[in-house]
Amino acid sequence: MTTDLPDAVKPDHLTEALRRHGVLSAGRVRDVVTEGQRDTLVSRIARLKLTFDGPAEKAPTSLILKMSRPPDRMPAEWAAREVVFYDTVAPATPGGLLLDCFDAAQSPHAKSWYLLLEDLTDSHHVATEWPLPPTEAQCHAIVAVLARFHAAWWDASRAGLSVATPPDRPTLRGLYERLEGFWANLADCLGERLSADRRRIIERFFAAPPHFARVATGKNLSVVHGDAHVWNVFLPNDDSDGSARLFDWDTWRTGLPATDLAYMMATHWYPERRRRFEQPLLDHYHATLVAAGIKGYDRAALDHDYRLAVLFQLIVPVVQSNVGIPPAIWWNHLERIMLAIDDLGCRELLES
């Protein structure tokens, strides 16, 4: 497959990008070869192999190009969120948690964007082939890197971003009005295939989202990945501790950190696996937060936030069904979320 690539992959542009990043001085990029180009649900990805003229000892010999892929059914204000992340959040994040970004740009008018990212193809791997779950040890590594990232931004205010300042209620209400429209579309699509009981749960959620009051406290919040399934983490080939890296930040936001845990487990795991691993992984997550210096957030608070976050997962299939994600994905998400809601007694949170 071939496609037009942005000017950003031309040798002169790459030379300047690598110089700005401090990994190239006297040398220059001579040639760029594109390998392994592929499409994902929301983007186009290619590996770039670089050759240089002159000294380039610190420069990477390969990069990952991630770019927009038409047609894009995502709302305009959701496009290029990952560019914003790498422009603002990533530079203020401690090293070793994210991929290095060498260049990021967007064209809001054209809804186009691109990123030039660190290539970990030779040193890291994704835990499993989707949809197979990871091993217990891999899950511990994934939960730990999420905890370290959350801890780095816990109630933080820097880089023009105040995590502890919640969105005002009119802004939240406006967002949920759009989501309610998505829900109306899904409800019409499913008809009687969605039981009256499950329909009532979703309607109660949108009528009075129970996490609003929790987020409004402005405490124990962080930057949230938003798409923290286990295939969005690179694990080191040598199993070295603390070397996992998070990637794919196109749905990041601020909010309840437990949202990422609920998305990883309640949205993606069937009950038998979730019941086996859920509490031990929450224990490990909390212990990692404490080790990172987070105070005043006990294990019971995490349990409460996790249950709220499981309810919040109802948004996932509602949005996915409206933006072109196949039913094979969002229907299974909806089923698993509903089972988790029942397992964890989340219905009572809709009544409080």
Protein backbone atom coordinates (compact mmCIF):
# COMPACT_ATOMS: atom_id res chain seq x y z
CA MET A 1 0.00 0.00 0.00
CA THR A 2 1.25 3.46 -0.83
CA THR A 3 -0.08 6.88 0.06
CA ASP A 4 1.04 10.47 0.03
CA LEU A 5 3.31 11.27 2.95
CA PRO A 6 3.63 14.70 4.55
CA ASP A 7 6.53 17.01 3.79
CA ALA A 8 7.69 16.24 7.32
CA VAL A 9 9.36 13.03 6.10
CA LYS A 10 11.60 14.85 3.63
CA PRO A 11 15.31 14.77 4.55
CA ASP A 12 15.65 18.50 5.18
CA HIS A 13 12.66 18.61 7.51
CA LEU A 14 13.84 15.52 9.40
CA THR A 15 17.29 17.05 9.75
CA GLU A 16 15.85 20.17 11.37
CA ALA A 17 13.52 18.16 13.63
CA LEU A 18 16.37 15.99 14.91
CA ARG A 19 18.53 19.05 15.49
CA ARG A 20 15.77 20.74 17.51
CA HIS A 21 15.54 17.59 19.58
CA GLY A 22 19.28 17.71 20.28
CA VAL A 23 20.22 14.35 18.74
CA LEU A 24 21.83 15.62 15.51
CA SER A 25 24.47 18.30 15.12
CA ALA A 26 26.78 18.39 12.12
CA GLY A 27 25.30 15.51 10.14
CA ARG A 28 22.26 15.58 7.85
CA VAL A 29 19.55 13.11 6.85
CA ARG A 30 20.44 11.92 3.37
CA ASP A 31 17.66 9.48 2.57
CA VAL A 32 14.36 8.17 3.98
CA VAL A 33 12.84 4.78 3.18
CA THR A 34 9.27 3.92 4.22
CA GLU A 35 8.63 0.42 5.59
CA GLY A 36 5.65 -1.45 6.96
CA GLN A 37 2.98 1.13 6.25
CA ARG A 38 -0.39 0.15 7.74
CA ASP A 39 -3.74 1.59 8.74
CA THR A 40 -5.34 1.42 12.15
CA LEU A 41 -8.92 2.33 12.99
CA VAL A 42 -8.08 6.01 13.38
CA SER A 43 -4.60 6.61 11.92
CA ARG A 44 -1.96 5.61 9.41
CA ILE A 45 1.44 4.39 10.62
CA ALA A 46 4.73 3.83 8.82
CA ARG A 47 8.29 3.04 9.87
CA LEU A 48 10.91 5.39 8.45
CA LYS A 49 14.49 4.17 7.97
CA LEU A 50 17.02 7.01 7.90
CA THR A 51 20.51 7.28 6.49
CA PHE A 52 22.83 10.21 7.18
CA ASP A 53 25.66 12.23 5.71
CA GLY A 54 28.20 13.22 8.32
CA PRO A 55 28.35 12.43 12.05
CA ALA A 56 25.04 11.21 13.52
CA GLU A 57 26.02 9.02 16.48
CA LYS A 58 23.09 10.12 18.68
CA ALA A 59 20.48 10.27 15.95
CA PRO A 60 17.90 7.47 15.58
CA THR A 61 18.23 5.36 12.46
CA SER A 62 14.47 4.83 12.34
CA LEU A 63 11.32 6.68 13.37
CA ILE A 64 7.61 5.96 13.48
CA LEU A 65 5.38 8.25 11.45
CA LYS A 66 1.81 8.42 12.73
CA MET A 67 -0.64 10.52 10.72
CA SER A 68 -4.33 11.15 10.15
CA ARG A 69 -6.21 8.77 7.90
CA PRO A 70 -9.23 9.80 5.86
CA PRO A 71 -12.12 9.32 6.14
CA ASP A 72 -12.18 10.51 9.73
CA ARG A 73 -15.53 10.35 11.50
CA MET A 74 -14.23 11.68 14.79
CA PRO A 75 -15.67 15.08 15.84
CA ALA A 76 -13.47 17.96 14.73
CA GLU A 77 -12.55 19.00 18.27
CA TRP A 78 -11.32 15.45 18.99
CA ALA A 79 -8.96 15.36 16.01
CA ALA A 80 -5.22 15.70 16.59
CA ARG A 81 -5.54 15.34 20.37
CA GLU A 82 -2.29 13.40 20.35
CA VAL A 83 -0.46 16.35 18.79
CA VAL A 84 -1.67 18.52 21.67
CA PHE A 85 -0.49 15.87 24.13
CA TYR A 86 3.03 15.80 22.70
CA ASP A 87 3.15 19.60 22.55
CA THR A 88 2.07 20.13 26.17
CA VAL A 89 1.91 17.11 28.46
CA ALA A 90 4.79 14.99 27.17
CA PRO A 91 7.56 17.62 27.56
CA ALA A 92 6.58 18.07 31.23
CA THR A 93 6.42 14.32 31.96
CA PRO A 94 9.37 12.50 33.58
CA GLY A 95 11.44 10.42 31.18
CA GLY A 96 10.99 6.71 30.62
CA LEU A 97 7.17 6.65 30.56
CA LEU A 98 6.40 7.77 27.00
CA LEU A 99 7.79 7.57 23.50
CA ASP A 100 10.07 10.43 22.52
CA CYS A 101 8.39 12.72 19.99
CA PHE A 102 10.68 14.41 17.47
CA ASP A 103 8.04 16.46 15.66
CA ALA A 104 4.29 17.06 15.87
CA ALA A 105 2.01 19.26 13.78
CA GLN A 106 -1.60 19.62 12.73
CA SER A 107 -3.76 21.47 10.23
CA PRO A 108 -7.13 22.02 11.93
CA HIS A 109 -8.75 23.26 8.72
CA ALA A 110 -7.87 20.05 6.87
CA LYS A 111 -8.26 17.83 9.96
CA SER A 112 -4.80 16.46 9.19
CA TRP A 113 -1.93 15.88 11.58
CA TYR A 114 1.24 13.87 12.03
CA LEU A 115 3.73 12.74 14.67
CA LEU A 116 7.33 11.58 14.34
CA LEU A 117 7.88 9.19 17.24
CA GLU A 118 10.62 7.08 18.75
CA ASP A 119 10.81 3.62 17.16
CA LEU A 120 10.93 0.82 19.76
CA THR A 121 10.44 -2.00 17.26
CA ASP A 122 13.75 -3.67 18.08
CA SER A 123 13.73 -3.24 21.88
CA HIS A 124 10.08 -3.57 22.92
CA HIS A 125 6.94 -5.51 22.09
CA VAL A 126 3.20 -5.42 22.65
CA ALA A 127 2.13 -8.04 25.19
CA THR A 128 -0.10 -10.19 22.97
CA GLU A 129 -1.98 -10.36 19.74
CA TRP A 130 -5.43 -8.76 20.13
CA PRO A 131 -7.72 -9.90 21.71
CA LEU A 132 -5.65 -12.36 23.77
CA PRO A 133 -5.01 -11.08 27.33
CA PRO A 134 -1.50 -10.63 28.76
CA THR A 135 0.11 -12.78 31.41
CA GLU A 136 -0.19 -11.80 35.06
CA ALA A 137 3.39 -10.50 35.07
CA GLN A 138 2.71 -8.37 31.99
CA CYS A 139 -0.43 -6.99 33.63
CA HIS A 140 1.61 -5.95 36.66
CA ALA A 141 4.06 -4.10 34.41
CA ILE A 142 1.25 -2.35 32.54
CA VAL A 143 -0.57 -1.29 35.71
CA ALA A 144 2.71 -0.06 37.20
CA VAL A 145 3.55 2.23 34.29
CA LEU A 146 0.02 3.65 34.38
CA ALA A 147 0.45 4.32 38.11
CA ARG A 148 3.82 6.02 37.61
CA PHE A 149 2.39 8.24 34.87
CA HIS A 150 -0.69 9.12 36.94
CA ALA A 151 1.51 9.87 39.93
CA ALA A 152 3.66 12.22 37.81
CA TRP A 153 0.56 14.32 37.03
CA TRP A 154 -1.35 13.80 40.30
CA ASP A 155 -3.17 17.08 41.06
CA ALA A 156 -0.45 18.82 39.05
CA SER A 157 -0.47 22.29 37.56
CA ARG A 158 2.20 22.88 34.93
CA ALA A 159 2.75 23.27 31.19
CA GLY A 160 -0.41 25.37 31.02
CA LEU A 161 -2.50 22.47 32.31
CA SER A 162 -4.15 22.37 35.74
CA VAL A 163 -5.23 18.81 36.45
CA ALA A 164 -6.82 19.77 39.76
CA THR A 165 -9.10 22.37 38.14
CA PRO A 166 -12.13 20.44 36.94
CA PRO A 167 -14.05 21.53 33.85
CA ASP A 168 -16.93 23.83 34.74
CA ARG A 169 -20.35 22.24 34.90
CA PRO A 170 -21.71 23.94 31.72
CA THR A 171 -18.74 22.55 29.77
CA LEU A 172 -19.34 19.07 31.15
CA ARG A 173 -23.05 19.34 30.47
CA GLY A 174 -22.37 20.40 26.87
CA LEU A 175 -20.16 17.37 26.36
CA TYR A 176 -22.80 15.08 27.75
CA GLU A 177 -25.48 16.60 25.55
CA ARG A 178 -23.44 15.46 22.56
CA LEU A 179 -22.96 12.05 24.14
CA GLU A 180 -26.69 11.82 24.79
CA GLY A 181 -27.20 12.33 21.07
CA PHE A 182 -24.80 9.46 20.42
CA TRP A 183 -26.75 7.36 22.91
CA ALA A 184 -30.04 8.15 21.16
CA ASN A 185 -28.53 6.93 17.89
CA LEU A 186 -27.32 3.70 19.49
CA ALA A 187 -30.63 3.09 21.27
CA ASP A 188 -32.49 3.47 17.98
CA CYS A 189 -30.03 1.14 16.26
CA LEU A 190 -30.32 -1.62 18.87
CA GLY A 191 -34.04 -1.40 19.51
CA GLU A 192 -35.33 -4.44 21.40
CA ARG A 193 -31.88 -6.05 21.28
CA LEU A 194 -31.08 -3.90 24.32
CA SER A 195 -33.11 -4.98 27.35
CA ALA A 196 -35.29 -2.51 29.24
CA ASP A 197 -33.10 -3.02 32.32
CA ARG A 198 -29.88 -2.13 30.54
CA ARG A 199 -31.55 0.77 28.77
CA ARG A 200 -32.59 2.18 32.17
CA ILE A 201 -29.02 1.93 33.49
CA ILE A 202 -27.62 3.95 30.58
CA GLU A 203 -30.44 6.50 30.75
CA ARG A 204 -29.87 6.99 34.51
CA PHE A 205 -26.15 7.43 33.87
CA PHE A 206 -26.68 10.20 31.33
CA ALA A 207 -29.41 11.85 33.40
CA ALA A 208 -27.06 12.33 36.36
CA PRO A 209 -23.48 11.15 35.69
CA PRO A 210 -22.36 10.00 39.17
CA HIS A 211 -18.71 10.89 38.69
CA PHE A 212 -19.46 14.61 38.17
CA ALA A 213 -19.48 15.32 41.91
CA ARG A 214 -16.28 13.33 42.44
CA VAL A 215 -14.41 15.17 39.67
CA ALA A 216 -15.74 18.50 40.96
CA THR A 217 -13.75 18.02 44.19
CA GLY A 218 -10.61 18.82 42.19
CA LYS A 219 -8.63 16.31 44.24
CA ASN A 220 -6.83 13.08 43.41
CA LEU A 221 -7.10 13.66 39.67
CA SER A 222 -4.53 13.23 36.95
CA VAL A 223 -3.98 13.11 33.22
CA VAL A 224 -5.85 10.07 31.93
CA HIS A 225 -4.77 8.06 28.89
CA GLY A 226 -8.35 7.41 27.78
CA ASP A 227 -7.54 4.35 25.65
CA ALA A 228 -5.48 2.35 28.14
CA HIS A 229 -6.03 -1.15 26.84
CA VAL A 230 -3.11 -3.51 27.21
CA TRP A 231 -2.08 -3.19 23.54
CA ASN A 232 -1.21 0.49 24.02
CA VAL A 233 1.84 -0.30 26.13
CA PHE A 234 5.26 -1.33 24.85
CA LEU A 235 6.99 -3.84 27.12
CA PRO A 236 10.79 -4.30 27.06
CA ASN A 237 12.12 -7.43 25.37
CA ASP A 238 14.53 -8.03 28.26
CA ASP A 239 11.75 -7.78 30.89
CA SER A 240 13.65 -5.01 32.66
CA ASP A 241 11.62 -3.47 35.45
CA GLY A 242 10.24 0.01 34.86
CA SER A 243 10.95 0.15 31.11
CA ALA A 244 7.38 -0.11 29.81
CA ARG A 245 6.21 2.83 27.67
CA LEU A 246 2.71 4.17 27.07
CA PHE A 247 1.63 5.22 23.58
CA ASP A 248 -1.46 6.24 21.54
CA TRP A 249 -2.62 9.38 23.36
CA ASP A 250 -5.36 10.51 20.98
CA THR A 251 -8.11 10.36 23.64
CA TRP A 252 -6.23 11.76 26.65
CA ARG A 253 -7.93 14.09 29.11
CA THR A 254 -7.86 15.00 32.80
CA GLY A 255 -10.04 13.15 35.28
CA LEU A 256 -10.26 10.11 37.52
CA PRO A 257 -7.09 8.01 37.15
CA ALA A 258 -9.11 4.85 37.85
CA THR A 259 -10.79 5.39 34.48
CA ASP A 260 -7.73 3.88 32.79
CA LEU A 261 -7.88 0.82 35.03
CA ALA A 262 -11.58 0.28 34.39
CA TYR A 263 -11.02 0.58 30.65
CA MET A 264 -8.20 -1.96 30.79
CA MET A 265 -10.12 -4.52 32.87
CA ALA A 266 -13.89 -3.95 32.97
CA THR A 267 -14.20 -2.97 29.31
CA HIS A 268 -11.89 -5.62 27.87
CA TRP A 269 -11.98 -8.65 30.18
CA TYR A 270 -14.69 -11.24 30.61
CA PRO A 271 -15.83 -11.88 34.21
CA GLU A 272 -13.72 -14.94 35.00
CA ARG A 273 -10.44 -13.20 34.22
CA ARG A 274 -11.49 -9.89 35.69
CA ARG A 275 -12.55 -11.52 38.97
CA ARG A 276 -9.17 -13.27 39.25
CA PHE A 277 -6.96 -10.27 38.55
CA GLU A 278 -8.98 -7.13 39.29
CA GLN A 279 -8.34 -6.71 43.03
CA PRO A 280 -4.67 -7.85 42.97
CA LEU A 281 -3.97 -5.39 40.15
CA LEU A 282 -5.74 -2.58 41.99
CA ASP A 283 -3.55 -3.45 45.01
CA HIS A 284 -0.44 -3.25 42.83
CA TYR A 285 -1.55 0.04 41.30
CA HIS A 286 -2.17 1.59 44.71
CA ALA A 287 1.16 0.34 46.08
CA THR A 288 2.93 1.89 43.08
CA LEU A 289 1.19 5.23 43.70
CA VAL A 290 2.29 5.17 47.33
CA ALA A 291 5.86 4.29 46.32
CA ALA A 292 5.78 7.27 43.94
CA GLY A 293 4.92 9.59 46.84
CA ILE A 294 1.14 9.96 46.52
CA LYS A 295 -0.43 10.64 49.93
CA GLY A 296 -4.00 11.02 51.18
CA TYR A 297 -5.50 8.51 48.75
CA ASP A 298 -6.22 5.25 50.51
CA ARG A 299 -7.17 1.88 49.06
CA ALA A 300 -10.86 2.38 49.85
CA ALA A 301 -10.85 5.63 47.85
CA LEU A 302 -9.40 3.77 44.89
CA ASP A 303 -12.13 1.12 45.14
CA HIS A 304 -14.82 3.82 45.11
CA ASP A 305 -13.24 5.61 42.16
CA TYR A 306 -12.87 2.34 40.28
CA ARG A 307 -16.59 1.62 40.62
CA LEU A 308 -17.39 5.12 39.36
CA ALA A 309 -14.96 4.54 36.51
CA VAL A 310 -16.68 1.28 35.56
CA LEU A 311 -19.94 3.19 35.15
CA PHE A 312 -18.08 5.80 33.10
CA GLN A 313 -17.14 3.02 30.66
CA LEU A 314 -20.72 3.10 29.37
CA ILE A 315 -19.55 6.04 27.28
CA VAL A 316 -17.10 3.82 25.37
CA PRO A 317 -19.53 1.73 23.27
CA VAL A 318 -21.85 4.72 22.89
CA VAL A 319 -19.07 6.77 21.28
CA GLN A 320 -17.52 3.90 19.34
CA SER A 321 -20.82 2.96 17.72
CA ASN A 322 -21.14 6.53 16.39
CA VAL A 323 -17.64 7.05 14.98
CA GLY A 324 -17.23 4.02 12.75
CA ILE A 325 -15.82 1.43 15.16
CA PRO A 326 -17.12 -2.02 14.12
CA PRO A 327 -19.90 -3.67 16.20
CA ALA A 328 -17.56 -6.64 16.78
CA ILE A 329 -15.67 -4.30 19.13
CA TRP A 330 -18.26 -2.03 20.73
CA TRP A 331 -20.96 -4.69 21.27
CA ASN A 332 -18.57 -6.90 23.24
CA HIS A 333 -17.43 -3.87 25.23
CA LEU A 334 -21.04 -3.10 26.14
CA GLU A 335 -21.67 -6.67 27.30
CA ARG A 336 -18.54 -6.81 29.46
CA ILE A 337 -19.19 -3.39 31.01
CA MET A 338 -22.71 -4.38 31.98
CA LEU A 339 -21.44 -7.57 33.61
CA ALA A 340 -18.86 -5.57 35.58
CA ILE A 341 -21.52 -3.09 36.71
CA ASP A 342 -23.52 -5.98 38.15
CA ASP A 343 -20.48 -7.69 39.71
CA LEU A 344 -19.28 -4.56 41.49
CA GLY A 345 -22.63 -3.21 42.66
CA CYS A 346 -22.30 -0.08 40.57
CA ARG A 347 -26.04 0.39 40.22
CA GLU A 348 -26.21 1.79 43.76
CA LEU A 349 -23.94 4.65 42.65
CA LEU A 350 -26.63 5.69 40.18
CA GLU A 351 -29.09 6.06 43.04
CA SER A 352 -26.88 8.09 45.40
